[in-house]
All heavy atoms as atom14 arrays in JSON, in Angstrom:
{
  "sequence": "GLGPETCMSRNPRLVYGRMTGWGQTGPLAGKAGHDPNFIALAGVL",
  "atom14_mask": [
    [1, 1, 1, 1, 0, 0, 0, 0, 0, 0, 0, 0, 0, 0],
    [1, 1, 1, 1, 1, 1, 1, 1, 0, 0, 0, 0, 0, 0],
    [1, 1, 1, 1, 0, 0, 0, 0, 0, 0, 0, 0, 0, 0],
    [1, 1, 1, 1, 1, 1, 1, 0, 0, 0, 0, 0, 0, 0],
    [1, 1, 1, 1, 1, 1, 1, 1, 1, 0, 0, 0, 0, 0],
    [1, 1, 1, 1, 1, 1, 1, 0, 0, 0, 0, 0, 0, 0],
    [1, 1, 1, 1, 1, 1, 0, 0, 0, 0, 0, 0, 0, 0],
    [1, 1, 1, 1, 1, 1, 1, 1, 0, 0, 0, 0, 0, 0],
    [1, 1, 1, 1, 1, 1, 0, 0, 0, 0, 0, 0, 0, 0],
    [1, 1, 1, 1, 1, 1, 1, 1, 1, 1, 1, 0, 0, 0],
    [1, 1, 1, 1, 1, 1, 1, 1, 0, 0, 0, 0, 0, 0],
    [1, 1, 1, 1, 1, 1, 1, 0, 0, 0, 0, 0, 0, 0],
    [1, 1, 1, 1, 1, 1, 1, 1, 1, 1, 1, 0, 0, 0],
    [1, 1, 1, 1, 1, 1, 1, 1, 0, 0, 0, 0, 0, 0],
    [1, 1, 1, 1, 1, 1, 1, 0, 0, 0, 0, 0, 0, 0],
    [1, 1, 1, 1, 1, 1, 1, 1, 1, 1, 1, 1, 0, 0],
    [1, 1, 1, 1, 0, 0, 0, 0, 0, 0, 0, 0, 0, 0],
    [1, 1, 1, 1, 1, 1, 1, 1, 1, 1, 1, 0, 0, 0],
    [1, 1, 1, 1, 1, 1, 1, 1, 0, 0, 0, 0, 0, 0],
    [1, 1, 1, 1, 1, 1, 1, 0, 0, 0, 0, 0, 0, 0],
    [1, 1, 1, 1, 0, 0, 0, 0, 0, 0, 0, 0, 0, 0],
    [1, 1, 1, 1, 1, 1, 1, 1, 1, 1, 1, 1, 1, 1],
    [1, 1, 1, 1, 0, 0, 0, 0, 0, 0, 0, 0, 0, 0],
    [1, 1, 1, 1, 1, 1, 1, 1, 1, 0, 0, 0, 0, 0],
    [1, 1, 1, 1, 1, 1, 1, 0, 0, 0, 0, 0, 0, 0],
    [1, 1, 1, 1, 0, 0, 0, 0, 0, 0, 0, 0, 0, 0],
    [1, 1, 1, 1, 1, 1, 1, 0, 0, 0, 0, 0, 0, 0],
    [1, 1, 1, 1, 1, 1, 1, 1, 0, 0, 0, 0, 0, 0],
    [1, 1, 1, 1, 1, 0, 0, 0, 0, 0, 0, 0, 0, 0],
    [1, 1, 1, 1, 0, 0, 0, 0, 0, 0, 0, 0, 0, 0],
    [1, 1, 1, 1, 1, 1, 1, 1, 1, 0, 0, 0, 0, 0],
    [1, 1, 1, 1, 1, 0, 0, 0, 0, 0, 0, 0, 0, 0],
    [1, 1, 1, 1, 0, 0, 0, 0, 0, 0, 0, 0, 0, 0],
    [1, 1, 1, 1, 1, 1, 1, 1, 1, 1, 0, 0, 0, 0],
    [1, 1, 1, 1, 1, 1, 1, 1, 0, 0, 0, 0, 0, 0],
    [1, 1, 1, 1, 1, 1, 1, 0, 0, 0, 0, 0, 0, 0],
    [1, 1, 1, 1, 1, 1, 1, 1, 0, 0, 0, 0, 0, 0],
    [1, 1, 1, 1, 1, 1, 1, 1, 1, 1, 1, 0, 0, 0],
    [1, 1, 1, 1, 1, 1, 1, 1, 0, 0, 0, 0, 0, 0],
    [1, 1, 1, 1, 1, 0, 0, 0, 0, 0, 0, 0, 0, 0],
    [1, 1, 1, 1, 1, 1, 1, 1, 0, 0, 0, 0, 0, 0],
    [1, 1, 1, 1, 1, 0, 0, 0, 0, 0, 0, 0, 0, 0],
    [1, 1, 1, 1, 0, 0, 0, 0, 0, 0, 0, 0, 0, 0],
    [1, 1, 1, 1, 1, 1, 1, 0, 0, 0, 0, 0, 0, 0],
    [1, 1, 1, 1, 1, 1, 1, 1, 0, 0, 0, 0, 0, 0]
  ],
  "atom14_positions": [
    [[-0.14, 15.82, -0.29], [-1.36, 16.5, 0.15], [-2.61, 15.8, -0.33], [-3.69, 16.41, -0.36], [0.0, 0.0, 0.0], [0.0, 0.0, 0.0], [0.0, 0.0, 0.0], [0.0, 0.0, 0.0], [0.0, 0.0, 0.0], [0.0, 0.0, 0.0], [0.0, 0.0, 0.0], [0.0, 0.0, 0.0], [0.0, 0.0, 0.0], [0.0, 0.0, 0.0]],
    [[-2.48, 14.52, -0.69], [-3.62, 13.76, -1.17], [-3.81, 12.47, -0.37], [-4.27, 11.45, -0.9], [-3.44, 13.41, -2.66], [-3.58, 14.56, -3.65], [-3.18, 14.11, -5.05], [-5.02, 15.1, -3.66], [0.0, 0.0, 0.0], [0.0, 0.0, 0.0], [0.0, 0.0, 0.0], [0.0, 0.0, 0.0], [0.0, 0.0, 0.0], [0.0, 0.0, 0.0]],
    [[-3.45, 12.51, 0.9], [-3.64, 11.34, 1.75], [-5.11, 11.09, 2.02], [-5.98, 11.92, 1.73], [0.0, 0.0, 0.0], [0.0, 0.0, 0.0], [0.0, 0.0, 0.0], [0.0, 0.0, 0.0], [0.0, 0.0, 0.0], [0.0, 0.0, 0.0], [0.0, 0.0, 0.0], [0.0, 0.0, 0.0], [0.0, 0.0, 0.0], [0.0, 0.0, 0.0]],
    [[-5.45, 9.91, 2.57], [-6.86, 9.56, 2.8], [-7.62, 10.58, 3.63], [-8.77, 10.91, 3.32], [-6.76, 8.21, 3.52], [-5.45, 7.65, 3.1], [-4.54, 8.82, 2.94], [0.0, 0.0, 0.0], [0.0, 0.0, 0.0], [0.0, 0.0, 0.0], [0.0, 0.0, 0.0], [0.0, 0.0, 0.0], [0.0, 0.0, 0.0], [0.0, 0.0, 0.0]],
    [[-7.02, 11.07, 4.7], [-7.73, 12.0, 5.57], [-8.13, 13.27, 4.81], [-9.27, 13.75, 4.92], [-6.85, 12.36, 6.77], [-7.56, 13.24, 7.79], [-6.71, 13.48, 9.02], [-5.71, 12.75, 9.22], [-7.05, 14.4, 9.79], [0.0, 0.0, 0.0], [0.0, 0.0, 0.0], [0.0, 0.0, 0.0], [0.0, 0.0, 0.0], [0.0, 0.0, 0.0]],
    [[-7.19, 13.82, 4.03], [-7.49, 15.03, 3.26], [-8.56, 14.76, 2.22], [-9.52, 15.53, 2.07], [-6.21, 15.53, 2.57], [-5.22, 15.82, 3.54], [-6.5, 16.77, 1.73], [0.0, 0.0, 0.0], [0.0, 0.0, 0.0], [0.0, 0.0, 0.0], [0.0, 0.0, 0.0], [0.0, 0.0, 0.0], [0.0, 0.0, 0.0], [0.0, 0.0, 0.0]],
    [[-8.4, 13.68, 1.47], [-9.35, 13.38, 0.4], [-10.74, 13.08, 0.93], [-11.74, 13.55, 0.39], [-8.84, 12.2, -0.42], [-7.33, 12.54, -1.36], [0.0, 0.0, 0.0], [0.0, 0.0, 0.0], [0.0, 0.0, 0.0], [0.0, 0.0, 0.0], [0.0, 0.0, 0.0], [0.0, 0.0, 0.0], [0.0, 0.0, 0.0], [0.0, 0.0, 0.0]],
    [[-10.81, 12.33, 2.02], [-12.12, 11.95, 2.55], [-12.8, 13.09, 3.29], [-14.01, 13.06, 3.5], [-11.97, 10.7, 3.42], [-11.51, 9.49, 2.59], [-10.96, 8.05, 3.53], [-12.54, 7.32, 3.95], [0.0, 0.0, 0.0], [0.0, 0.0, 0.0], [0.0, 0.0, 0.0], [0.0, 0.0, 0.0], [0.0, 0.0, 0.0], [0.0, 0.0, 0.0]],
    [[-12.01, 14.12, 3.66], [-12.65, 15.31, 4.23], [-13.42, 16.07, 3.15], [-14.38, 16.78, 3.44], [-11.61, 16.21, 4.88], [-10.77, 16.82, 3.89], [0.0, 0.0, 0.0], [0.0, 0.0, 0.0], [0.0, 0.0, 0.0], [0.0, 0.0, 0.0], [0.0, 0.0, 0.0], [0.0, 0.0, 0.0], [0.0, 0.0, 0.0], [0.0, 0.0, 0.0]],
    [[-12.99, 15.92, 1.9], [-13.69, 16.55, 0.77], [-14.83, 15.68, 0.24], [-15.74, 16.18, -0.41], [-12.69, 16.83, -0.36], [-11.55, 17.76, 0.02], [-11.97, 19.2, 0.05], [-12.15, 19.75, -1.27], [-11.25, 20.51, -1.9], [-10.09, 20.79, -1.32], [-11.49, 21.0, -3.1], [0.0, 0.0, 0.0], [0.0, 0.0, 0.0], [0.0, 0.0, 0.0]],
    [[-14.76, 14.39, 0.51], [-15.78, 13.46, 0.03], [-15.86, 12.3, 1.0], [-15.15, 11.3, 0.87], [-15.42, 12.97, -1.38], [-16.44, 11.99, -1.93], [-17.41, 11.63, -1.27], [-16.21, 11.52, -3.14], [0.0, 0.0, 0.0], [0.0, 0.0, 0.0], [0.0, 0.0, 0.0], [0.0, 0.0, 0.0], [0.0, 0.0, 0.0], [0.0, 0.0, 0.0]],
    [[-16.74, 12.39, 2.02], [-16.82, 11.35, 3.05], [-17.19, 9.98, 2.51], [-16.92, 8.96, 3.17], [-17.89, 11.88, 4.01], [-17.92, 13.35, 3.78], [-17.63, 13.53, 2.33], [0.0, 0.0, 0.0], [0.0, 0.0, 0.0], [0.0, 0.0, 0.0], [0.0, 0.0, 0.0], [0.0, 0.0, 0.0], [0.0, 0.0, 0.0], [0.0, 0.0, 0.0]],
    [[-17.8, 9.92, 1.32], [-18.19, 8.63, 0.76], [-17.06, 7.99, -0.06], [-17.22, 6.88, -0.58], [-19.41, 8.81, -0.16], [-20.67, 9.25, 0.55], [-21.76, 9.59, -0.46], [-22.05, 8.45, -1.33], [-22.99, 7.55, -1.07], [-23.72, 7.66, 0.03], [-23.2, 6.55, -1.9], [0.0, 0.0, 0.0], [0.0, 0.0, 0.0], [0.0, 0.0, 0.0]],
    [[-15.94, 8.67, -0.16], [-14.87, 8.21, -1.03], [-14.22, 6.93, -0.51], [-13.85, 6.84, 0.65], [-13.79, 9.3, -1.16], [-12.64, 8.98, -2.11], [-13.09, 9.12, -3.56], [-11.45, 9.9, -1.84], [0.0, 0.0, 0.0], [0.0, 0.0, 0.0], [0.0, 0.0, 0.0], [0.0, 0.0, 0.0], [0.0, 0.0, 0.0], [0.0, 0.0, 0.0]],
    [[-14.07, 5.96, -1.39], [-13.28, 4.77, -1.1], [-11.86, 5.05, -1.6], [-11.67, 5.51, -2.73], [-13.86, 3.53, -1.8], [-12.89, 2.35, -1.69], [-15.21, 3.18, -1.18], [0.0, 0.0, 0.0], [0.0, 0.0, 0.0], [0.0, 0.0, 0.0], [0.0, 0.0, 0.0], [0.0, 0.0, 0.0], [0.0, 0.0, 0.0], [0.0, 0.0, 0.0]],
    [[-10.88, 4.79, -0.75], [-9.49, 5.13, -1.04], [-8.68, 3.84, -1.15], [-8.37, 3.21, -0.14], [-8.95, 6.03, 0.08], [-7.68, 6.78, -0.24], [-7.69, 8.14, -0.45], [-6.46, 6.11, -0.31], [-6.52, 8.84, -0.72], [-5.29, 6.8, -0.58], [-5.32, 8.15, -0.79], [-4.16, 8.83, -1.05], [0.0, 0.0, 0.0], [0.0, 0.0, 0.0]],
    [[-8.33, 3.46, -2.37], [-7.59, 2.22, -2.59], [-6.1, 2.45, -2.61], [-5.62, 3.32, -3.34], [0.0, 0.0, 0.0], [0.0, 0.0, 0.0], [0.0, 0.0, 0.0], [0.0, 0.0, 0.0], [0.0, 0.0, 0.0], [0.0, 0.0, 0.0], [0.0, 0.0, 0.0], [0.0, 0.0, 0.0], [0.0, 0.0, 0.0], [0.0, 0.0, 0.0]],
    [[-5.36, 1.67, -1.85], [-3.91, 1.8, -1.76], [-3.26, 0.48, -2.18], [-3.48, -0.56, -1.58], [-3.49, 2.15, -0.33], [-4.32, 3.26, 0.31], [-3.59, 3.95, 1.42], [-2.61, 4.9, 0.86], [-1.99, 5.84, 1.58], [-2.24, 5.94, 2.88], [-1.14, 6.66, 1.02], [0.0, 0.0, 0.0], [0.0, 0.0, 0.0], [0.0, 0.0, 0.0]],
    [[-2.45, 0.55, -3.25], [-1.73, -0.61, -3.73], [-0.25, -0.46, -3.43], [0.39, 0.5, -3.86], [-1.94, -0.75, -5.24], [-0.99, -1.73, -5.92], [-1.14, -3.41, -5.31], [-2.83, -3.74, -5.71], [0.0, 0.0, 0.0], [0.0, 0.0, 0.0], [0.0, 0.0, 0.0], [0.0, 0.0, 0.0], [0.0, 0.0, 0.0], [0.0, 0.0, 0.0]],
    [[0.27, -1.39, -2.65], [1.71, -1.42, -2.37], [2.2, -2.86, -2.51], [1.4, -3.79, -2.65], [2.02, -0.93, -0.94], [1.35, -1.79, -0.01], [1.59, 0.5, -0.73], [0.0, 0.0, 0.0], [0.0, 0.0, 0.0], [0.0, 0.0, 0.0], [0.0, 0.0, 0.0], [0.0, 0.0, 0.0], [0.0, 0.0, 0.0], [0.0, 0.0, 0.0]],
    [[3.51, -3.02, -2.44], [4.06, -4.37, -2.47], [3.99, -5.04, -1.13], [3.51, -6.17, -1.01], [0.0, 0.0, 0.0], [0.0, 0.0, 0.0], [0.0, 0.0, 0.0], [0.0, 0.0, 0.0], [0.0, 0.0, 0.0], [0.0, 0.0, 0.0], [0.0, 0.0, 0.0], [0.0, 0.0, 0.0], [0.0, 0.0, 0.0], [0.0, 0.0, 0.0]],
    [[4.44, -4.32, -0.09], [4.57, -4.92, 1.24], [3.42, -4.6, 2.17], [3.3, -5.22, 3.23], [5.87, -4.45, 1.89], [7.1, -4.62, 1.07], [7.87, -3.63, 0.51], [7.73, -5.85, 0.68], [8.94, -4.16, -0.18], [8.88, -5.53, -0.09], [7.44, -7.2, 0.93], [9.73, -6.49, -0.61], [8.29, -8.16, 0.39], [9.41, -7.81, -0.36]],
    [[2.59, -3.62, 1.83], [1.53, -3.18, 2.73], [1.86, -1.84, 3.34], [2.97, -1.32, 3.21], [0.0, 0.0, 0.0], [0.0, 0.0, 0.0], [0.0, 0.0, 0.0], [0.0, 0.0, 0.0], [0.0, 0.0, 0.0], [0.0, 0.0, 0.0], [0.0, 0.0, 0.0], [0.0, 0.0, 0.0], [0.0, 0.0, 0.0], [0.0, 0.0, 0.0]],
    [[0.89, -1.26, 4.03], [1.06, 0.06, 4.62], [1.84, 0.03, 5.93], [2.3, 1.06, 6.4], [-0.32, 0.68, 4.88], [-1.13, 0.95, 3.63], [-0.49, 2.0, 2.74], [0.0, 3.02, 3.22], [-0.49, 1.75, 1.44], [0.0, 0.0, 0.0], [0.0, 0.0, 0.0], [0.0, 0.0, 0.0], [0.0, 0.0, 0.0], [0.0, 0.0, 0.0]],
    [[2.0, -1.15, 6.53], [2.71, -1.27, 7.8], [3.69, -2.43, 7.71], [3.68, -3.2, 6.76], [1.74, -1.52, 8.96], [0.99, -2.73, 8.7], [0.76, -0.36, 9.11], [0.0, 0.0, 0.0], [0.0, 0.0, 0.0], [0.0, 0.0, 0.0], [0.0, 0.0, 0.0], [0.0, 0.0, 0.0], [0.0, 0.0, 0.0], [0.0, 0.0, 0.0]],
    [[4.54, -2.56, 8.74], [5.49, -3.65, 8.79], [6.9, -3.19, 8.49], [7.12, -2.11, 7.92], [0.0, 0.0, 0.0], [0.0, 0.0, 0.0], [0.0, 0.0, 0.0], [0.0, 0.0, 0.0], [0.0, 0.0, 0.0], [0.0, 0.0, 0.0], [0.0, 0.0, 0.0], [0.0, 0.0, 0.0], [0.0, 0.0, 0.0], [0.0, 0.0, 0.0]],
    [[7.91, -4.0, 8.85], [9.31, -3.61, 8.69], [9.71, -3.29, 7.26], [10.64, -2.5, 7.03], [10.08, -4.83, 9.21], [9.12, -5.59, 10.05], [7.77, -5.32, 9.5], [0.0, 0.0, 0.0], [0.0, 0.0, 0.0], [0.0, 0.0, 0.0], [0.0, 0.0, 0.0], [0.0, 0.0, 0.0], [0.0, 0.0, 0.0], [0.0, 0.0, 0.0]],
    [[9.04, -3.9, 6.28], [9.41, -3.69, 4.88], [8.54, -2.65, 4.17], [8.73, -2.41, 2.98], [9.32, -5.01, 4.11], [10.28, -6.12, 4.53], [10.0, -7.39, 3.74], [11.73, -5.68, 4.33], [0.0, 0.0, 0.0], [0.0, 0.0, 0.0], [0.0, 0.0, 0.0], [0.0, 0.0, 0.0], [0.0, 0.0, 0.0], [0.0, 0.0, 0.0]],
    [[7.62, -2.04, 4.88], [6.62, -1.17, 4.24], [7.25, -0.08, 3.38], [6.73, 0.24, 2.3], [5.71, -0.54, 5.3], [0.0, 0.0, 0.0], [0.0, 0.0, 0.0], [0.0, 0.0, 0.0], [0.0, 0.0, 0.0], [0.0, 0.0, 0.0], [0.0, 0.0, 0.0], [0.0, 0.0, 0.0], [0.0, 0.0, 0.0], [0.0, 0.0, 0.0]],
    [[8.37, 0.48, 3.81], [8.98, 1.56, 3.06], [10.03, 1.14, 2.06], [10.61, 1.99, 1.38], [0.0, 0.0, 0.0], [0.0, 0.0, 0.0], [0.0, 0.0, 0.0], [0.0, 0.0, 0.0], [0.0, 0.0, 0.0], [0.0, 0.0, 0.0], [0.0, 0.0, 0.0], [0.0, 0.0, 0.0], [0.0, 0.0, 0.0], [0.0, 0.0, 0.0]],
    [[10.26, -0.17, 1.94], [11.31, -0.66, 1.06], [10.81, -0.77, -0.38], [9.64, -1.04, -0.64], [11.78, -2.05, 1.52], [12.48, -2.05, 2.87], [13.91, -1.58, 2.76], [14.78, -2.61, 2.07], [16.19, -2.2, 2.01], [0.0, 0.0, 0.0], [0.0, 0.0, 0.0], [0.0, 0.0, 0.0], [0.0, 0.0, 0.0], [0.0, 0.0, 0.0]],
    [[11.75, -0.6, -1.32], [11.42, -0.82, -2.72], [11.28, -2.31, -2.99], [11.8, -3.15, -2.26], [12.51, -0.23, -3.62], [0.0, 0.0, 0.0], [0.0, 0.0, 0.0], [0.0, 0.0, 0.0], [0.0, 0.0, 0.0], [0.0, 0.0, 0.0], [0.0, 0.0, 0.0], [0.0, 0.0, 0.0], [0.0, 0.0, 0.0], [0.0, 0.0, 0.0]],
    [[10.57, -2.64, -4.04], [10.4, -4.05, -4.41], [9.59, -4.17, -5.68], [8.92, -3.22, -6.1], [0.0, 0.0, 0.0], [0.0, 0.0, 0.0], [0.0, 0.0, 0.0], [0.0, 0.0, 0.0], [0.0, 0.0, 0.0], [0.0, 0.0, 0.0], [0.0, 0.0, 0.0], [0.0, 0.0, 0.0], [0.0, 0.0, 0.0], [0.0, 0.0, 0.0]],
    [[9.68, -5.34, -6.3], [8.88, -5.65, -7.47], [8.33, -7.06, -7.33], [8.62, -7.77, -6.35], [9.7, -5.49, -8.76], [9.91, -4.07, -9.16], [8.88, -3.24, -9.55], [11.04, -3.31, -9.21], [9.35, -2.04, -9.84], [10.66, -2.05, -9.64], [0.0, 0.0, 0.0], [0.0, 0.0, 0.0], [0.0, 0.0, 0.0], [0.0, 0.0, 0.0]],
    [[7.56, -7.47, -8.31], [6.85, -8.75, -8.26], [7.7, -9.9, -7.72], [7.25, -10.62, -6.82], [6.32, -9.07, -9.67], [5.6, -10.39, -9.76], [6.26, -11.44, -9.68], [4.38, -10.39, -9.95], [0.0, 0.0, 0.0], [0.0, 0.0, 0.0], [0.0, 0.0, 0.0], [0.0, 0.0, 0.0], [0.0, 0.0, 0.0], [0.0, 0.0, 0.0]],
    [[8.93, -10.13, -8.21], [9.69, -11.28, -7.7], [9.95, -11.21, -6.21], [9.97, -12.25, -5.52], [11.01, -11.23, -8.49], [10.71, -10.42, -9.7], [9.68, -9.42, -9.27], [0.0, 0.0, 0.0], [0.0, 0.0, 0.0], [0.0, 0.0, 0.0], [0.0, 0.0, 0.0], [0.0, 0.0, 0.0], [0.0, 0.0, 0.0], [0.0, 0.0, 0.0]],
    [[10.15, -10.0, -5.69], [10.42, -9.85, -4.27], [9.21, -10.24, -3.43], [9.33, -10.91, -2.4], [10.82, -8.41, -3.96], [11.91, -7.89, -4.86], [11.69, -7.0, -5.67], [13.11, -8.45, -4.76], [0.0, 0.0, 0.0], [0.0, 0.0, 0.0], [0.0, 0.0, 0.0], [0.0, 0.0, 0.0], [0.0, 0.0, 0.0], [0.0, 0.0, 0.0]],
    [[8.03, -9.84, -3.89], [6.82, -10.09, -3.12], [6.46, -11.58, -3.14], [6.12, -12.16, -2.1], [5.66, -9.25, -3.66], [6.01, -7.8, -3.86], [5.61, -7.12, -5.0], [6.77, -7.12, -2.93], [5.95, -5.8, -5.21], [7.13, -5.78, -3.12], [6.72, -5.13, -4.26], [0.0, 0.0, 0.0], [0.0, 0.0, 0.0], [0.0, 0.0, 0.0]],
    [[6.54, -12.21, -4.31], [6.16, -13.63, -4.35], [7.23, -14.49, -3.69], [6.93, -15.62, -3.27], [5.87, -14.1, -5.79], [7.12, -14.1, -6.67], [4.78, -13.25, -6.42], [6.89, -14.73, -8.04], [0.0, 0.0, 0.0], [0.0, 0.0, 0.0], [0.0, 0.0, 0.0], [0.0, 0.0, 0.0], [0.0, 0.0, 0.0], [0.0, 0.0, 0.0]],
    [[8.45, -13.97, -3.55], [9.48, -14.72, -2.83], [9.11, -14.84, -1.35], [9.24, -15.92, -0.76], [10.84, -14.04, -2.99], [0.0, 0.0, 0.0], [0.0, 0.0, 0.0], [0.0, 0.0, 0.0], [0.0, 0.0, 0.0], [0.0, 0.0, 0.0], [0.0, 0.0, 0.0], [0.0, 0.0, 0.0], [0.0, 0.0, 0.0], [0.0, 0.0, 0.0]],
    [[8.65, -13.75, -0.74], [8.28, -13.78, 0.66], [6.96, -14.49, 0.91], [6.64, -14.85, 2.04], [8.21, -12.36, 1.24], [9.45, -11.96, 2.06], [10.67, -11.84, 1.18], [9.18, -10.66, 2.81], [0.0, 0.0, 0.0], [0.0, 0.0, 0.0], [0.0, 0.0, 0.0], [0.0, 0.0, 0.0], [0.0, 0.0, 0.0], [0.0, 0.0, 0.0]],
    [[6.19, -14.7, -0.14], [4.9, -15.39, 0.0], [5.04, -16.91, -0.03], [4.07, -17.62, 0.23], [3.96, -14.94, -1.13], [0.0, 0.0, 0.0], [0.0, 0.0, 0.0], [0.0, 0.0, 0.0], [0.0, 0.0, 0.0], [0.0, 0.0, 0.0], [0.0, 0.0, 0.0], [0.0, 0.0, 0.0], [0.0, 0.0, 0.0], [0.0, 0.0, 0.0]],
    [[6.23, -17.41, -0.38], [6.38, -18.85, -0.55], [6.01, -19.31, -1.94], [6.09, -20.51, -2.24], [0.0, 0.0, 0.0], [0.0, 0.0, 0.0], [0.0, 0.0, 0.0], [0.0, 0.0, 0.0], [0.0, 0.0, 0.0], [0.0, 0.0, 0.0], [0.0, 0.0, 0.0], [0.0, 0.0, 0.0], [0.0, 0.0, 0.0], [0.0, 0.0, 0.0]],
    [[5.61, -18.38, -2.8], [5.19, -18.73, -4.16], [6.4, -19.1, -5.02], [6.42, -20.16, -5.66], [4.42, -17.56, -4.81], [4.11, -17.87, -6.27], [3.14, -17.26, -4.04], [0.0, 0.0, 0.0], [0.0, 0.0, 0.0], [0.0, 0.0, 0.0], [0.0, 0.0, 0.0], [0.0, 0.0, 0.0], [0.0, 0.0, 0.0], [0.0, 0.0, 0.0]],
    [[7.4, -18.25, -5.04], [8.52, -18.44, -5.96], [9.26, -19.74, -5.68], [9.65, -20.46, -6.6], [9.47, -17.24, -5.88], [10.63, -17.22, -6.88], [10.11, -17.3, -8.31], [11.46, -15.96, -6.69], [0.0, 0.0, 0.0], [0.0, 0.0, 0.0], [0.0, 0.0, 0.0], [0.0, 0.0, 0.0], [0.0, 0.0, 0.0], [0.0, 0.0, 0.0]]
  ]
}
């Protein structure tokens, strides 16, 4: 009950920061992961 739409309806000036591993969209968006997984797909590792 604290998604961006709900929160910003209470404060239209609110900036809503979202930190995820894979992003809010894409085939992996809902998958678990940690630092090694993310840098592996980036070409870093």
